[in-house]
Amino acid sequence: MNIRRVKDLEAYRCAFEFQQQVFVVSKKWPRDETYSLTDQIRRSSRSIGSNLAEAWAKRRYPAHFLSKLTDSGGELQESIHWLDTAQACEYLGMDDHTKLLQAAETLGRLLGGIMAKHETFCLR
């Protein structure tokens, strides 16, 4: 497959799907979590794809591209933390928690693959 834009990356599509899954489950959480847990996980899950998009725009500079990819991975790890918190607070059932962690693991592997060969994505 010829990758011409960020939306062509499987990692980007996976990140977008992950953020939407997080949005759907977080709509059921208590209103008193709106400005804490709910806001935090929505922000971090949305930042995965947005950092990937920003990285794509900066792929003329390999170090900057890798840095933004690393930021994307950091946001993924933050999202996992919030998923664990939501499950511990009994806002997120075990099935949804497992499903989202599996999606996060897949996304992490995809991001890791891009990071491992980031220079092949850079403009020359």
PDB file of N, CA and C in Angstrom:
ATOM      1  N   MET A   1       0.836  -1.186   0.000  1.00  0.00           N
ATOM      2  CA  MET A   1       0.000   0.000   0.000  1.00  0.00           C
ATOM      3  C   MET A   1       0.878   1.245   0.000  1.00  0.00           C
ATOM      4  N   ASN A   2       0.515   2.191  -0.805  1.00  0.00           N
ATOM      5  CA  ASN A   2       1.236   3.447  -0.887  1.00  0.00           C
ATOM      6  C   ASN A   2       0.672   4.405   0.166  1.00  0.00           C
ATOM      7  N   ILE A   3       1.523   4.850   1.058  1.00  0.00           N
ATOM      8  CA  ILE A   3       1.080   5.730   2.143  1.00  0.00           C
ATOM      9  C   ILE A   3       1.375   7.170   1.739  1.00  0.00           C
ATOM     10  N   ARG A   4       0.316   7.913   1.441  1.00  0.00           N
ATOM     11  CA  ARG A   4       0.467   9.300   1.004  1.00  0.00           C
ATOM     12  C   ARG A   4       0.045  10.298   2.065  1.00  0.00           C
ATOM     13  N   ARG A   5      -0.835   9.860   2.959  1.00  0.00           N
ATOM     14  CA  ARG A   5      -1.328  10.766   3.999  1.00  0.00           C
ATOM     15  C   ARG A   5      -1.480   9.994   5.296  1.00  0.00           C
ATOM     16  N   VAL A   6      -1.580  10.696   6.373  1.00  0.00           N
ATOM     17  CA  VAL A   6      -1.614  10.051   7.681  1.00  0.00           C
ATOM     18  C   VAL A   6      -2.789   9.080   7.799  1.00  0.00           C
ATOM     19  N   LYS A   7      -3.895   9.389   7.158  1.00  0.00           N
ATOM     20  CA  LYS A   7      -5.065   8.508   7.232  1.00  0.00           C
ATOM     21  C   LYS A   7      -4.837   7.166   6.551  1.00  0.00           C
ATOM     22  N   ASP A   8      -3.782   7.051   5.762  1.00  0.00           N
ATOM     23  CA  ASP A   8      -3.432   5.783   5.131  1.00  0.00           C
ATOM     24  C   ASP A   8      -2.713   4.837   6.097  1.00  0.00           C
ATOM     25  N   LEU A   9      -2.229   5.367   7.198  1.00  0.00           N
ATOM     26  CA  LEU A   9      -1.516   4.552   8.190  1.00  0.00           C
ATOM     27  C   LEU A   9      -2.517   3.738   9.018  1.00  0.00           C
ATOM     28  N   GLU A  10      -2.258   2.442   9.121  1.00  0.00           N
ATOM     29  CA  GLU A  10      -3.105   1.596   9.961  1.00  0.00           C
ATOM     30  C   GLU A  10      -3.088   2.094  11.406  1.00  0.00           C
ATOM     31  N   ALA A  11      -1.950   2.579  11.875  1.00  0.00           N
ATOM     32  CA  ALA A  11      -1.845   3.085  13.244  1.00  0.00           C
ATOM     33  C   ALA A  11      -2.775   4.279  13.468  1.00  0.00           C
ATOM     34  N   TYR A  12      -2.884   5.141  12.480  1.00  0.00           N
ATOM     35  CA  TYR A  12      -3.771   6.306  12.617  1.00  0.00           C
ATOM     36  C   TYR A  12      -5.229   5.853  12.680  1.00  0.00           C
ATOM     37  N   ARG A  13      -5.598   4.952  11.796  1.00  0.00           N
ATOM     38  CA  ARG A  13      -6.986   4.456  11.788  1.00  0.00           C
ATOM     39  C   ARG A  13      -7.304   3.747  13.107  1.00  0.00           C
ATOM     40  N   CYS A  14      -6.350   2.988  13.606  1.00  0.00           N
ATOM     41  CA  CYS A  14      -6.512   2.287  14.885  1.00  0.00           C
ATOM     42  C   CYS A  14      -6.645   3.296  16.037  1.00  0.00           C
ATOM     43  N   ALA A  15      -5.841   4.351  16.006  1.00  0.00           N
ATOM     44  CA  ALA A  15      -5.904   5.389  17.039  1.00  0.00           C
ATOM     45  C   ALA A  15      -7.249   6.089  17.027  1.00  0.00           C
ATOM     46  N   PHE A  16      -7.768   6.365  15.846  1.00  0.00           N
ATOM     47  CA  PHE A  16      -9.063   7.036  15.731  1.00  0.00           C
ATOM     48  C   PHE A  16     -10.171   6.134  16.272  1.00  0.00           C
ATOM     49  N   GLU A  17     -10.131   4.864  15.918  1.00  0.00           N
ATOM     50  CA  GLU A  17     -11.128   3.908  16.413  1.00  0.00           C
ATOM     51  C   GLU A  17     -11.044   3.788  17.935  1.00  0.00           C
ATOM     52  N   PHE A  18      -9.826   3.744  18.470  1.00  0.00           N
ATOM     53  CA  PHE A  18      -9.629   3.664  19.919  1.00  0.00           C
ATOM     54  C   PHE A  18     -10.247   4.867  20.622  1.00  0.00           C
ATOM     55  N   GLN A  19      -9.993   6.071  20.105  1.00  0.00           N
ATOM     56  CA  GLN A  19     -10.554   7.274  20.740  1.00  0.00           C
ATOM     57  C   GLN A  19     -12.078   7.223  20.723  1.00  0.00           C
ATOM     58  N   GLN A  20     -12.656   6.707  19.645  1.00  0.00           N
ATOM     59  CA  GLN A  20     -14.114   6.632  19.565  1.00  0.00           C
ATOM     60  C   GLN A  20     -14.671   5.593  20.534  1.00  0.00           C
ATOM     61  N   GLN A  21     -13.972   4.479  20.696  1.00  0.00           N
ATOM     62  CA  GLN A  21     -14.403   3.471  21.662  1.00  0.00           C
ATOM     63  C   GLN A  21     -14.349   4.035  23.079  1.00  0.00           C
ATOM     64  N   VAL A  22     -13.302   4.770  23.380  1.00  0.00           N
ATOM     65  CA  VAL A  22     -13.173   5.407  24.699  1.00  0.00           C
ATOM     66  C   VAL A  22     -14.314   6.399  24.906  1.00  0.00           C
ATOM     67  N   PHE A  23     -14.621   7.174  23.888  1.00  0.00           N
ATOM     68  CA  PHE A  23     -15.708   8.145  23.985  1.00  0.00           C
ATOM     69  C   PHE A  23     -17.027   7.456  24.324  1.00  0.00           C
ATOM     70  N   VAL A  24     -17.326   6.373  23.630  1.00  0.00           N
ATOM     71  CA  VAL A  24     -18.593   5.671  23.838  1.00  0.00           C
ATOM     72  C   VAL A  24     -18.698   5.140  25.273  1.00  0.00           C
ATOM     73  N   VAL A  25     -17.658   4.460  25.754  1.00  0.00           N
ATOM     74  CA  VAL A  25     -17.761   3.906  27.113  1.00  0.00           C
ATOM     75  C   VAL A  25     -17.770   4.999  28.169  1.00  0.00           C
ATOM     76  N   SER A  26     -17.055   6.095  27.919  1.00  0.00           N
ATOM     77  CA  SER A  26     -16.973   7.156  28.934  1.00  0.00           C
ATOM     78  C   SER A  26     -18.263   7.977  29.041  1.00  0.00           C
ATOM     79  N   LYS A  27     -19.139   7.880  28.054  1.00  0.00           N
ATOM     80  CA  LYS A  27     -20.422   8.590  28.132  1.00  0.00           C
ATOM     81  C   LYS A  27     -21.293   8.047  29.257  1.00  0.00           C
ATOM     82  N   LYS A  28     -21.013   6.839  29.706  1.00  0.00           N
ATOM     83  CA  LYS A  28     -21.815   6.194  30.753  1.00  0.00           C
ATOM     84  C   LYS A  28     -21.300   6.483  32.164  1.00  0.00           C
ATOM     85  N   TRP A  29     -20.178   7.163  32.262  1.00  0.00           N
ATOM     86  CA  TRP A  29     -19.572   7.387  33.571  1.00  0.00           C
ATOM     87  C   TRP A  29     -20.308   8.484  34.330  1.00  0.00           C
ATOM     88  N   PRO A  30     -20.162   8.512  35.657  1.00  0.00           N
ATOM     89  CA  PRO A  30     -20.886   9.495  36.478  1.00  0.00           C
ATOM     90  C   PRO A  30     -20.570  10.944  36.096  1.00  0.00           C
ATOM     91  N   ARG A  31     -21.579  11.778  36.240  1.00  0.00           N
ATOM     92  CA  ARG A  31     -21.404  13.204  35.915  1.00  0.00           C
ATOM     93  C   ARG A  31     -20.339  13.865  36.779  1.00  0.00           C
ATOM     94  N   ASP A  32     -20.174  13.402  38.006  1.00  0.00           N
ATOM     95  CA  ASP A  32     -19.167  14.033  38.866  1.00  0.00           C
ATOM     96  C   ASP A  32     -17.737  13.717  38.409  1.00  0.00           C
ATOM     97  N   GLU A  33     -17.575  12.842  37.422  1.00  0.00           N
ATOM     98  CA  GLU A  33     -16.260  12.563  36.834  1.00  0.00           C
ATOM     99  C   GLU A  33     -16.024  13.350  35.544  1.00  0.00           C
ATOM    100  N   THR A  34     -17.005  14.163  35.141  1.00  0.00           N
ATOM    101  CA  THR A  34     -16.922  14.876  33.857  1.00  0.00           C
ATOM    102  C   THR A  34     -15.635  15.673  33.714  1.00  0.00           C
ATOM    103  N   TYR A  35     -15.238  16.393  34.733  1.00  0.00           N
ATOM    104  CA  TYR A  35     -14.070  17.276  34.625  1.00  0.00           C
ATOM    105  C   TYR A  35     -12.801  16.655  35.191  1.00  0.00           C
ATOM    106  N   SER A  36     -12.853  15.378  35.490  1.00  0.00           N
ATOM    107  CA  SER A  36     -11.647  14.710  35.964  1.00  0.00           C
ATOM    108  C   SER A  36     -11.370  13.485  35.095  1.00  0.00           C
ATOM    109  N   LEU A  37     -11.803  12.330  35.504  1.00  0.00           N
ATOM    110  CA  LEU A  37     -11.484  11.106  34.782  1.00  0.00           C
ATOM    111  C   LEU A  37     -11.972  11.124  33.333  1.00  0.00           C
ATOM    112  N   THR A  38     -13.222  11.481  33.124  1.00  0.00           N
ATOM    113  CA  THR A  38     -13.785  11.474  31.764  1.00  0.00           C
ATOM    114  C   THR A  38     -13.016  12.417  30.851  1.00  0.00           C
ATOM    115  N   ASP A  39     -12.779  13.630  31.326  1.00  0.00           N
ATOM    116  CA  ASP A  39     -12.048  14.613  30.518  1.00  0.00           C
ATOM    117  C   ASP A  39     -10.623  14.143  30.242  1.00  0.00           C
ATOM    118  N   GLN A  40      -9.973  13.587  31.252  1.00  0.00           N
ATOM    119  CA  GLN A  40      -8.575  13.161  31.099  1.00  0.00           C
ATOM    120  C   GLN A  40      -8.427  12.046  30.064  1.00  0.00           C
ATOM    121  N   ILE A  41      -9.287  11.035  30.153  1.00  0.00           N
ATOM    122  CA  ILE A  41      -9.135   9.911  29.227  1.00  0.00           C
ATOM    123  C   ILE A  41      -9.536  10.306  27.813  1.00  0.00           C
ATOM    124  N   ARG A  42     -10.525  11.180  27.696  1.00  0.00           N
ATOM    125  CA  ARG A  42     -10.889  11.627  26.347  1.00  0.00           C
ATOM    126  C   ARG A  42      -9.765  12.438  25.732  1.00  0.00           C
ATOM    127  N   ARG A  43      -9.138  13.295  26.515  1.00  0.00           N
ATOM    128  CA  ARG A  43      -8.020  14.097  25.998  1.00  0.00           C
ATOM    129  C   ARG A  43      -6.840  13.223  25.595  1.00  0.00           C
ATOM    130  N   SER A  44      -6.459  12.299  26.480  1.00  0.00           N
ATOM    131  CA  SER A  44      -5.282  11.470  26.174  1.00  0.00           C
ATOM    132  C   SER A  44      -5.544  10.547  24.987  1.00  0.00           C
ATOM    133  N   SER A  45      -6.739   9.966  24.919  1.00  0.00           N
ATOM    134  CA  SER A  45      -7.021   9.059  23.797  1.00  0.00           C
ATOM    135  C   SER A  45      -7.080   9.819  22.475  1.00  0.00           C
ATOM    136  N   ARG A  46      -7.567  11.046  22.492  1.00  0.00           N
ATOM    137  CA  ARG A  46      -7.605  11.855  21.273  1.00  0.00           C
ATOM    138  C   ARG A  46      -6.225  12.348  20.879  1.00  0.00           C
ATOM    139  N   SER A  47      -5.354  12.492  21.856  1.00  0.00           N
ATOM    140  CA  SER A  47      -3.998  12.986  21.586  1.00  0.00           C
ATOM    141  C   SER A  47      -3.123  11.950  20.886  1.00  0.00           C
ATOM    142  N   ILE A  48      -3.482  10.687  20.989  1.00  0.00           N
ATOM    143  CA  ILE A  48      -2.692   9.654  20.312  1.00  0.00           C
ATOM    144  C   ILE A  48      -2.689   9.919  18.805  1.00  0.00           C
ATOM    145  N   GLY A  49      -3.865  10.019  18.231  1.00  0.00           N
ATOM    146  CA  GLY A  49      -3.985  10.268  16.796  1.00  0.00           C
ATOM    147  C   GLY A  49      -3.531  11.656  16.392  1.00  0.00           C
ATOM    148  N   SER A  50      -3.805  12.649  17.238  1.00  0.00           N
ATOM    149  CA  SER A  50      -3.411  14.009  16.863  1.00  0.00           C
ATOM    150  C   SER A  50      -1.888  14.153  16.861  1.00  0.00           C
ATOM    151  N   ASN A  51      -1.207  13.501  17.790  1.00  0.00           N
ATOM    152  CA  ASN A  51       0.260  13.532  17.782  1.00  0.00           C
ATOM    153  C   ASN A  51       0.816  12.757  16.597  1.00  0.00           C
ATOM    154  N   LEU A  52       0.149  11.688  16.225  1.00  0.00           N
ATOM    155  CA  LEU A  52       0.568  10.937  15.046  1.00  0.00           C
ATOM    156  C   LEU A  52       0.399  11.794  13.786  1.00  0.00           C
ATOM    157  N   ALA A  53      -0.707  12.516  13.705  1.00  0.00           N
ATOM    158  CA  ALA A  53      -0.937  13.409  12.561  1.00  0.00           C
ATOM    159  C   ALA A  53       0.117  14.517  12.521  1.00  0.00           C
ATOM    160  N   GLU A  54       0.434  15.071  13.677  1.00  0.00           N
ATOM    161  CA  GLU A  54       1.453  16.114  13.726  1.00  0.00           C
ATOM    162  C   GLU A  54       2.823  15.542  13.347  1.00  0.00           C
ATOM    163  N   ALA A  55       3.102  14.339  13.799  1.00  0.00           N
ATOM    164  CA  ALA A  55       4.362  13.683  13.430  1.00  0.00           C
ATOM    165  C   ALA A  55       4.455  13.530  11.919  1.00  0.00           C
ATOM    166  N   TRP A  56       3.354  13.109  11.327  1.00  0.00           N
ATOM    167  CA  TRP A  56       3.329  12.913   9.866  1.00  0.00           C
ATOM    168  C   TRP A  56       3.656  14.208   9.139  1.00  0.00           C
ATOM    169  N   ALA A  57       3.122  15.296   9.635  1.00  0.00           N
ATOM    170  CA  ALA A  57       3.369  16.599   9.010  1.00  0.00           C
ATOM    171  C   ALA A  57       4.829  17.039   9.162  1.00  0.00           C
ATOM    172  N   LYS A  58       5.540  16.476  10.138  1.00  0.00           N
ATOM    173  CA  LYS A  58       6.917  16.898  10.407  1.00  0.00           C
ATOM    174  C   LYS A  58       7.932  15.827  10.013  1.00  0.00           C
ATOM    175  N   ARG A  59       7.561  14.919   9.130  1.00  0.00           N
ATOM    176  CA  ARG A  59       8.457  13.819   8.784  1.00  0.00           C
ATOM    177  C   ARG A  59       9.631  14.234   7.907  1.00  0.00           C
ATOM    178  N   ARG A  60       9.707  15.504   7.554  1.00  0.00           N
ATOM    179  CA  ARG A  60      10.891  16.015   6.856  1.00  0.00           C
ATOM    180  C   ARG A  60      12.090  16.025   7.811  1.00  0.00           C
ATOM    181  N   TYR A  61      11.807  16.015   9.100  1.00  0.00           N
ATOM    182  CA  TYR A  61      12.840  16.085  10.126  1.00  0.00           C
ATOM    183  C   TYR A  61      12.782  14.809  10.970  1.00  0.00           C
ATOM    184  N   PRO A  62      13.622  13.823  10.701  1.00  0.00           N
ATOM    185  CA  PRO A  62      13.531  12.523  11.372  1.00  0.00           C
ATOM    186  C   PRO A  62      13.482  12.587  12.895  1.00  0.00           C
ATOM    187  N   ALA A  63      14.293  13.432  13.513  1.00  0.00           N
ATOM    188  CA  ALA A  63      14.292  13.506  14.974  1.00  0.00           C
ATOM    189  C   ALA A  63      12.965  14.062  15.503  1.00  0.00           C
ATOM    190  N   HIS A  64      12.437  15.051  14.819  1.00  0.00           N
ATOM    191  CA  HIS A  64      11.155  15.629  15.247  1.00  0.00           C
ATOM    192  C   HIS A  64      10.023  14.632  15.020  1.00  0.00           C
ATOM    193  N   PHE A  65      10.061  13.927  13.902  1.00  0.00           N
ATOM    194  CA  PHE A  65       9.080  12.894  13.604  1.00  0.00           C
ATOM    195  C   PHE A  65       9.069  11.850  14.713  1.00  0.00           C
ATOM    196  N   LEU A  66      10.230  11.355  15.093  1.00  0.00           N
ATOM    197  CA  LEU A  66      10.341  10.358  16.152  1.00  0.00           C
ATOM    198  C   LEU A  66       9.866  10.915  17.488  1.00  0.00           C
ATOM    199  N   SER A  67      10.189  12.162  17.765  1.00  0.00           N
ATOM    200  CA  SER A  67       9.756  12.791  19.011  1.00  0.00           C
ATOM    201  C   SER A  67       8.235  12.835  19.126  1.00  0.00           C
ATOM    202  N   LYS A  68       7.564  13.222  18.050  1.00  0.00           N
ATOM    203  CA  LYS A  68       6.091  13.279  18.069  1.00  0.00           C
ATOM    204  C   LYS A  68       5.491  11.875  18.143  1.00  0.00           C
ATOM    205  N   LEU A  69       6.132  10.897  17.517  1.00  0.00           N
ATOM    206  CA  LEU A  69       5.670   9.511  17.645  1.00  0.00           C
ATOM    207  C   LEU A  69       5.777   9.052  19.100  1.00  0.00           C
ATOM    208  N   THR A  70       6.859   9.461  19.753  1.00  0.00           N
ATOM    209  CA  THR A  70       7.051   9.128  21.162  1.00  0.00           C
ATOM    210  C   THR A  70       5.967   9.780  22.017  1.00  0.00           C
ATOM    211  N   ASP A  71       5.605  11.016  21.685  1.00  0.00           N
ATOM    212  CA  ASP A  71       4.504  11.682  22.396  1.00  0.00           C
ATOM    213  C   ASP A  71       3.207  10.903  22.232  1.00  0.00           C
ATOM    214  N   SER A  72       2.973  10.397  21.034  1.00  0.00           N
ATOM    215  CA  SER A  72       1.779   9.601  20.769  1.00  0.00           C
ATOM    216  C   SER A  72       1.772   8.355  21.654  1.00  0.00           C
ATOM    217  N   GLY A  73       2.910   7.703  21.752  1.00  0.00           N
ATOM    218  CA  GLY A  73       3.030   6.530  22.620  1.00  0.00           C
ATOM    219  C   GLY A  73       2.818   6.866  24.082  1.00  0.00           C
ATOM    220  N   GLY A  74       3.281   8.029  24.497  1.00  0.00           N
ATOM    221  CA  GLY A  74       3.070   8.474  25.870  1.00  0.00           C
ATOM    222  C   GLY A  74       1.599   8.693  26.169  1.00  0.00           C
ATOM    223  N   GLU A  75       0.884   9.264  25.225  1.00  0.00           N
ATOM    224  CA  GLU A  75      -0.559   9.476  25.398  1.00  0.00           C
ATOM    225  C   GLU A  75      -1.299   8.146  25.459  1.00  0.00           C
ATOM    226  N   LEU A  76      -0.822   7.175  24.707  1.00  0.00           N
ATOM    227  CA  LEU A  76      -1.413   5.840  24.773  1.00  0.00           C
ATOM    228  C   LEU A  76      -1.232   5.256  26.173  1.00  0.00           C
ATOM    229  N   GLN A  77      -0.046   5.392  26.730  1.00  0.00           N
ATOM    230  CA  GLN A  77       0.204   4.875  28.081  1.00  0.00           C
ATOM    231  C   GLN A  77      -0.656   5.603  29.119  1.00  0.00           C
ATOM    232  N   GLU A  78      -0.839   6.904  28.947  1.00  0.00           N
ATOM    233  CA  GLU A  78      -1.716   7.643  29.854  1.00  0.00           C
ATOM    234  C   GLU A  78      -3.150   7.125  29.748  1.00  0.00           C
ATOM    235  N   SER A  79      -3.596   6.873  28.534  1.00  0.00           N
ATOM    236  CA  SER A  79      -4.951   6.356  28.330  1.00  0.00           C
ATOM    237  C   SER A  79      -5.132   5.008  29.022  1.00  0.00           C
ATOM    238  N   ILE A  80      -4.123   4.157  28.948  1.00  0.00           N
ATOM    239  CA  ILE A  80      -4.180   2.859  29.629  1.00  0.00           C
ATOM    240  C   ILE A  80      -4.307   3.063  31.137  1.00  0.00           C
ATOM    241  N   HIS A  81      -3.565   4.014  31.671  1.00  0.00           N
ATOM    242  CA  HIS A  81      -3.676   4.328  33.101  1.00  0.00           C
ATOM    243  C   HIS A  81      -5.113   4.712  33.468  1.00  0.00           C
ATOM    244  N   TRP A  82      -5.726   5.571  32.656  1.00  0.00           N
ATOM    245  CA  TRP A  82      -7.097   6.005  32.948  1.00  0.00           C
ATOM    246  C   TRP A  82      -8.095   4.864  32.779  1.00  0.00           C
ATOM    247  N   LEU A  83      -7.850   3.967  31.828  1.00  0.00           N
ATOM    248  CA  LEU A  83      -8.721   2.788  31.689  1.00  0.00           C
ATOM    249  C   LEU A  83      -8.645   1.926  32.946  1.00  0.00           C
ATOM    250  N   ASP A  84      -7.441   1.731  33.453  1.00  0.00           N
ATOM    251  CA  ASP A  84      -7.274   0.957  34.685  1.00  0.00           C
ATOM    252  C   ASP A  84      -7.964   1.642  35.861  1.00  0.00           C
ATOM    253  N   THR A  85      -7.870   2.968  35.892  1.00  0.00           N
ATOM    254  CA  THR A  85      -8.528   3.731  36.961  1.00  0.00           C
ATOM    255  C   THR A  85     -10.044   3.584  36.875  1.00  0.00           C
ATOM    256  N   ALA A  86     -10.576   3.702  35.657  1.00  0.00           N
ATOM    257  CA  ALA A  86     -12.021   3.577  35.464  1.00  0.00           C
ATOM    258  C   ALA A  86     -12.505   2.183  35.862  1.00  0.00           C
ATOM    259  N   GLN A  87     -11.732   1.185  35.553  1.00  0.00           N
ATOM    260  CA  GLN A  87     -12.104  -0.184  35.922  1.00  0.00           C
ATOM    261  C   GLN A  87     -12.033  -0.351  37.435  1.00  0.00           C
ATOM    262  N   ALA A  88     -11.002   0.209  38.072  1.00  0.00           N
ATOM    263  CA  ALA A  88     -10.860   0.118  39.529  1.00  0.00           C
ATOM    264  C   ALA A  88     -11.994   0.842  40.260  1.00  0.00           C
ATOM    265  N   CYS A  89     -12.498   1.914  39.658  1.00  0.00           N
ATOM    266  CA  CYS A  89     -13.604   2.677  40.246  1.00  0.00           C
ATOM    267  C   CYS A  89     -14.971   2.066  39.906  1.00  0.00           C
ATOM    268  N   GLU A  90     -14.939   0.962  39.163  1.00  0.00           N
ATOM    269  CA  GLU A  90     -16.140   0.241  38.756  1.00  0.00           C
ATOM    270  C   GLU A  90     -17.031   1.035  37.800  1.00  0.00           C
ATOM    271  N   TYR A  91     -16.396   1.899  36.999  1.00  0.00           N
ATOM    272  CA  TYR A  91     -17.110   2.626  35.945  1.00  0.00           C
ATOM    273  C   TYR A  91     -17.024   1.859  34.627  1.00  0.00           C
ATOM    274  N   LEU A  92     -16.068   0.968  34.536  1.00  0.00           N
ATOM    275  CA  LEU A  92     -15.785   0.251  33.304  1.00  0.00           C
ATOM    276  C   LEU A  92     -15.797  -1.236  33.617  1.00  0.00           C
ATOM    277  N   GLY A  93     -16.680  -1.969  32.962  1.00  0.00           N
ATOM    278  CA  GLY A  93     -16.765  -3.410  33.178  1.00  0.00           C
ATOM    279  C   GLY A  93     -15.530  -4.131  32.675  1.00  0.00           C
ATOM    280  N   MET A  94     -15.352  -5.344  33.171  1.00  0.00           N
ATOM    281  CA  MET A  94     -14.177  -6.140  32.815  1.00  0.00           C
ATOM    282  C   MET A  94     -14.120  -6.410  31.313  1.00  0.00           C
ATOM    283  N   ASP A  95     -15.255  -6.686  30.675  1.00  0.00           N
ATOM    284  CA  ASP A  95     -15.258  -6.968  29.228  1.00  0.00           C
ATOM    285  C   ASP A  95     -14.802  -5.755  28.431  1.00  0.00           C
ATOM    286  N   ASP A  96     -15.361  -4.575  28.741  1.00  0.00           N
ATOM    287  CA  ASP A  96     -14.950  -3.357  28.042  1.00  0.00           C
ATOM    288  C   ASP A  96     -13.491  -3.030  28.323  1.00  0.00           C
ATOM    289  N   HIS A  97     -13.067  -3.226  29.557  1.00  0.00           N
ATOM    290  CA  HIS A  97     -11.683  -2.962  29.939  1.00  0.00           C
ATOM    291  C   HIS A  97     -10.741  -3.846  29.126  1.00  0.00           C
ATOM    292  N   THR A  98     -11.046  -5.130  29.058  1.00  0.00           N
ATOM    293  CA  THR A  98     -10.214  -6.071  28.309  1.00  0.00           C
ATOM    294  C   THR A  98     -10.181  -5.707  26.830  1.00  0.00           C
ATOM    295  N   LYS A  99     -11.344  -5.403  26.264  1.00  0.00           N
ATOM    296  CA  LYS A  99     -11.432  -5.042  24.845  1.00  0.00           C
ATOM    297  C   LYS A  99     -10.595  -3.797  24.543  1.00  0.00           C
ATOM    298  N   LEU A 100     -10.696  -2.791  25.400  1.00  0.00           N
ATOM    299  CA  LEU A 100      -9.948  -1.557  25.181  1.00  0.00           C
ATOM    300  C   LEU A 100      -8.446  -1.766  25.388  1.00  0.00           C
ATOM    301  N   LEU A 101      -8.071  -2.582  26.358  1.00  0.00           N
ATOM    302  CA  LEU A 101      -6.645  -2.860  26.555  1.00  0.00           C
ATOM    303  C   LEU A 101      -6.069  -3.631  25.367  1.00  0.00           C
ATOM    304  N   GLN A 102      -6.846  -4.531  24.791  1.00  0.00           N
ATOM    305  CA  GLN A 102      -6.382  -5.245  23.602  1.00  0.00           C
ATOM    306  C   GLN A 102      -6.197  -4.282  22.427  1.00  0.00           C
ATOM    307  N   ALA A 103      -7.137  -3.346  22.272  1.00  0.00           N
ATOM    308  CA  ALA A 103      -7.008  -2.332  21.218  1.00  0.00           C
ATOM    309  C   ALA A 103      -5.775  -1.467  21.457  1.00  0.00           C
ATOM    310  N   ALA A 104      -5.538  -1.119  22.720  1.00  0.00           N
ATOM    311  CA  ALA A 104      -4.364  -0.309  23.063  1.00  0.00           C
ATOM    312  C   ALA A 104      -3.074  -1.067  22.777  1.00  0.00           C
ATOM    313  N   GLU A 105      -3.066  -2.355  23.061  1.00  0.00           N
ATOM    314  CA  GLU A 105      -1.884  -3.168  22.801  1.00  0.00           C
ATOM    315  C   GLU A 105      -1.584  -3.233  21.297  1.00  0.00           C
ATOM    316  N   THR A 106      -2.616  -3.426  20.515  1.00  0.00           N
ATOM    317  CA  THR A 106      -2.454  -3.441  19.055  1.00  0.00           C
ATOM    318  C   THR A 106      -1.913  -2.105  18.570  1.00  0.00           C
ATOM    319  N   LEU A 107      -2.502  -1.029  19.060  1.00  0.00           N
ATOM    320  CA  LEU A 107      -2.062   0.310  18.685  1.00  0.00           C
ATOM    321  C   LEU A 107      -0.612   0.536  19.095  1.00  0.00           C
ATOM    322  N   GLY A 108      -0.246   0.086  20.267  1.00  0.00           N
ATOM    323  CA  GLY A 108       1.134   0.227  20.731  1.00  0.00           C
ATOM    324  C   GLY A 108       2.124  -0.505  19.831  1.00  0.00           C
ATOM    325  N   ARG A 109       1.738  -1.699  19.375  1.00  0.00           N
ATOM    326  CA  ARG A 109       2.608  -2.441  18.455  1.00  0.00           C
ATOM    327  C   ARG A 109       2.764  -1.696  17.134  1.00  0.00           C
ATOM    328  N   LEU A 110       1.663  -1.138  16.638  1.00  0.00           N
ATOM    329  CA  LEU A 110       1.734  -0.386  15.377  1.00  0.00           C
ATOM    330  C   LEU A 110       2.617   0.848  15.517  1.00  0.00           C
ATOM    331  N   LEU A 111       2.446   1.589  16.605  1.00  0.00           N
ATOM    332  CA  LEU A 111       3.293   2.768  16.840  1.00  0.00           C
ATOM    333  C   LEU A 111       4.753   2.362  16.987  1.00  0.00           C
ATOM    334  N   GLY A 112       4.982   1.281  17.729  1.00  0.00           N
ATOM    335  CA  GLY A 112       6.352   0.794  17.910  1.00  0.00           C
ATOM    336  C   GLY A 112       7.002   0.416  16.592  1.00  0.00           C
ATOM    337  N   GLY A 113       6.225  -0.170  15.698  1.00  0.00           N
ATOM    338  CA  GLY A 113       6.751  -0.527  14.383  1.00  0.00           C
ATOM    339  C   GLY A 113       7.161   0.688  13.575  1.00  0.00           C
ATOM    340  N   ILE A 114       6.348   1.729  13.660  1.00  0.00           N
ATOM    341  CA  ILE A 114       6.696   2.966  12.943  1.00  0.00           C
ATOM    342  C   ILE A 114       7.936   3.594  13.572  1.00  0.00           C
ATOM    343  N   MET A 115       7.988   3.604  14.899  1.00  0.00           N
ATOM    344  CA  MET A 115       9.151   4.189  15.575  1.00  0.00           C
ATOM    345  C   MET A 115      10.429   3.438  15.229  1.00  0.00           C
ATOM    346  N   ALA A 116      10.345   2.121  15.143  1.00  0.00           N
ATOM    347  CA  ALA A 116      11.532   1.302  14.871  1.00  0.00           C
ATOM    348  C   ALA A 116      12.116   1.578  13.494  1.00  0.00           C
ATOM    349  N   LYS A 117      11.279   1.972  12.547  1.00  0.00           N
ATOM    350  CA  LYS A 117      11.759   2.255  11.204  1.00  0.00           C
ATOM    351  C   LYS A 117      11.298   3.634  10.744  1.00  0.00           C
ATOM    352  N   HIS A 118      11.310   4.577  11.662  1.00  0.00           N
ATOM    353  CA  HIS A 118      10.761   5.911  11.391  1.00  0.00           C
ATOM    354  C   HIS A 118      11.411   6.609  10.189  1.00  0.00           C
ATOM    355  N   GLU A 119      12.685   6.369   9.985  1.00  0.00           N
ATOM    356  CA  GLU A 119      13.370   7.061   8.890  1.00  0.00           C
ATOM    357  C   GLU A 119      12.839   6.643   7.527  1.00  0.00           C
ATOM    358  N   THR A 120      12.260   5.451   7.421  1.00  0.00           N
ATOM    359  CA  THR A 120      11.706   5.021   6.133  1.00  0.00           C
ATOM    360  C   THR A 120      10.434   5.805   5.769  1.00  0.00           C
ATOM    361  N   PHE A 121       9.825   6.441   6.747  1.00  0.00           N
ATOM    362  CA  PHE A 121       8.617   7.242   6.509  1.00  0.00           C
ATOM    363  C   PHE A 121       8.951   8.706   6.208  1.00  0.00           C
ATOM    364  N   CYS A 122      10.192   9.089   6.491  1.00  0.00           N
ATOM    365  CA  CYS A 122      10.574  10.497   6.358  1.00  0.00           C
ATOM    366  C   CYS A 122      10.782  10.893   4.900  1.00  0.00           C
ATOM    367  N   LEU A 123      10.530  12.173   4.642  1.00  0.00           N
ATOM    368  CA  LEU A 123      10.738  12.734   3.309  1.00  0.00           C
ATOM    369  C   LEU A 123      12.235  12.917   3.094  1.00  0.00           C
ATOM    370  N   ARG A 124      12.646  12.724   1.887  1.00  0.00           N
ATOM    371  CA  ARG A 124      14.080  12.874   1.572  1.00  0.00           C
ATOM    372  C   ARG A 124      14.308  14.083   0.711  1.00  0.00           C
TER     373      ARG A 124
END
